[in-house]
Amino acid sequence: MNVAKVLGQTVSTGSAVDLYTVPALKQTVVSTLTVANLTAAAGTFSVAVRVSGSTLENKHYIYRNVSLPANDTFAATFGITMAATDVVTVASSVSSSFNLFGQEVTTT
């Protein structure tokens, strides 16, 4: 069964946080990511995809220290495929809202 849904929502300030982990017996196609800077100060954000929940390394980043102006929003549309236990991890230098959208597919 395929289910389109909001995969994850979080607010990050500073430390890396896990936005989404693919559940067991699922695969996921990530379609859209939005990042909203909630402050009146410019900042940066980073997004990483960690295979099987591995420890965060430089090779995992799909966005690294991307500038985000004050009170602005970044949006990306893509088709990232993820397997069970893969993790999307995010971080921001200022208070920012992260939203991830996509489709979960049940595997057998």
Protein backbone atom coordinates (compact mmCIF):
# COMPACT_ATOMS: atom_id res chain seq x y z
CA MET A 1 0.00 0.00 0.00
CA ASN A 2 1.29 3.46 -0.93
CA VAL A 3 0.51 6.33 1.43
CA ALA A 4 1.24 9.98 0.61
CA LYS A 5 1.82 11.89 3.82
CA VAL A 6 3.68 14.45 5.87
CA LEU A 7 6.76 12.44 6.77
CA GLY A 8 8.10 14.74 9.44
CA GLN A 9 7.93 18.18 11.03
CA THR A 10 10.32 19.71 13.53
CA VAL A 11 11.90 22.97 14.65
CA SER A 12 15.69 23.02 14.93
CA THR A 13 18.01 25.52 16.53
CA GLY A 14 21.63 24.45 16.56
CA SER A 15 21.99 20.73 17.15
CA ALA A 16 21.20 18.12 14.52
CA VAL A 17 17.82 16.39 15.00
CA ASP A 18 16.22 13.46 13.20
CA LEU A 19 13.32 14.65 11.06
CA TYR A 20 12.24 11.26 9.70
CA THR A 21 13.16 7.59 9.97
CA VAL A 22 11.79 5.11 7.43
CA PRO A 23 9.75 2.51 9.36
CA ALA A 24 10.48 -1.21 9.19
CA LEU A 25 8.96 -2.97 6.17
CA LYS A 26 8.61 0.34 4.32
CA GLN A 27 10.38 2.23 1.57
CA THR A 28 9.91 5.95 1.12
CA VAL A 29 10.06 8.39 -1.76
CA VAL A 30 10.70 11.88 -0.44
CA SER A 31 9.08 14.45 -2.71
CA THR A 32 9.40 17.83 -1.00
CA LEU A 33 11.39 19.54 1.74
CA THR A 34 10.65 22.99 3.13
CA VAL A 35 12.74 25.00 5.58
CA ALA A 36 11.31 28.19 7.09
CA ASN A 37 13.55 30.61 8.98
CA LEU A 38 11.39 31.67 11.93
CA THR A 39 13.62 34.55 12.99
CA ALA A 40 14.51 38.12 11.98
CA ALA A 41 18.14 37.05 11.52
CA ALA A 42 19.75 35.27 8.57
CA GLY A 43 20.96 31.75 9.21
CA THR A 44 22.06 28.49 7.61
CA PHE A 45 20.61 25.00 7.47
CA SER A 46 21.84 21.50 6.67
CA VAL A 47 20.06 18.29 5.64
CA ALA A 48 21.58 14.80 5.61
CA VAL A 49 20.35 11.34 4.61
CA ARG A 50 21.89 8.61 6.77
CA VAL A 51 21.72 5.08 5.35
CA SER A 52 20.48 2.57 7.93
CA GLY A 53 20.72 5.21 10.65
CA SER A 54 24.53 5.30 10.42
CA THR A 55 26.55 7.88 12.35
CA LEU A 56 26.42 11.32 10.70
CA GLU A 57 29.34 11.90 8.31
CA ASN A 58 30.14 14.53 5.66
CA LYS A 59 29.14 12.12 2.86
CA HIS A 60 25.51 12.13 4.07
CA TYR A 61 24.78 15.82 3.42
CA ILE A 62 22.50 16.75 0.54
CA TYR A 63 22.47 20.38 1.73
CA ARG A 64 25.26 21.78 3.92
CA ASN A 65 25.29 25.25 5.51
CA VAL A 66 22.85 26.71 2.97
CA SER A 67 22.14 30.40 3.60
CA LEU A 68 18.56 31.23 4.54
CA PRO A 69 17.61 34.92 4.81
CA ALA A 70 15.59 36.22 7.76
CA ASN A 71 11.90 35.21 7.69
CA ASP A 72 12.38 33.37 4.39
CA THR A 73 11.49 29.87 3.18
CA PHE A 74 13.48 27.36 1.13
CA ALA A 75 11.69 24.61 -0.82
CA ALA A 76 13.08 21.70 -2.82
CA THR A 77 11.22 19.10 -4.86
CA PHE A 78 12.99 15.86 -5.69
CA GLY A 79 12.57 12.08 -5.65
CA ILE A 80 14.90 10.73 -3.00
CA THR A 81 14.37 7.02 -2.41
CA MET A 82 14.99 5.62 1.05
CA ALA A 83 14.97 2.13 2.55
CA ALA A 84 13.80 0.93 5.96
CA THR A 85 15.77 2.53 8.83
CA ASP A 86 17.27 5.31 6.66
CA VAL A 87 17.14 8.66 8.47
CA VAL A 88 16.78 12.32 7.42
CA THR A 89 18.67 14.54 9.86
CA VAL A 90 18.43 18.36 9.90
CA ALA A 91 20.07 21.30 11.63
CA SER A 92 19.81 25.08 11.53
CA SER A 93 21.87 27.90 13.00
CA VAL A 94 18.68 29.84 13.84
CA SER A 95 15.20 28.67 14.81
CA SER A 96 13.83 27.05 11.64
CA SER A 97 10.87 24.85 10.81
CA PHE A 98 11.53 21.74 8.67
CA ASN A 99 8.74 19.89 6.83
CA LEU A 100 9.21 16.71 4.79
CA PHE A 101 6.59 15.26 2.43
CA GLY A 102 6.51 12.04 0.45
CA GLN A 103 5.09 8.57 0.03
CA GLU A 104 5.62 5.44 2.11
CA VAL A 105 5.44 2.12 0.28
CA THR A 106 4.85 -1.15 2.12
CA THR A 107 7.34 -3.89 1.23
CA THR A 108 6.85 -7.61 1.69
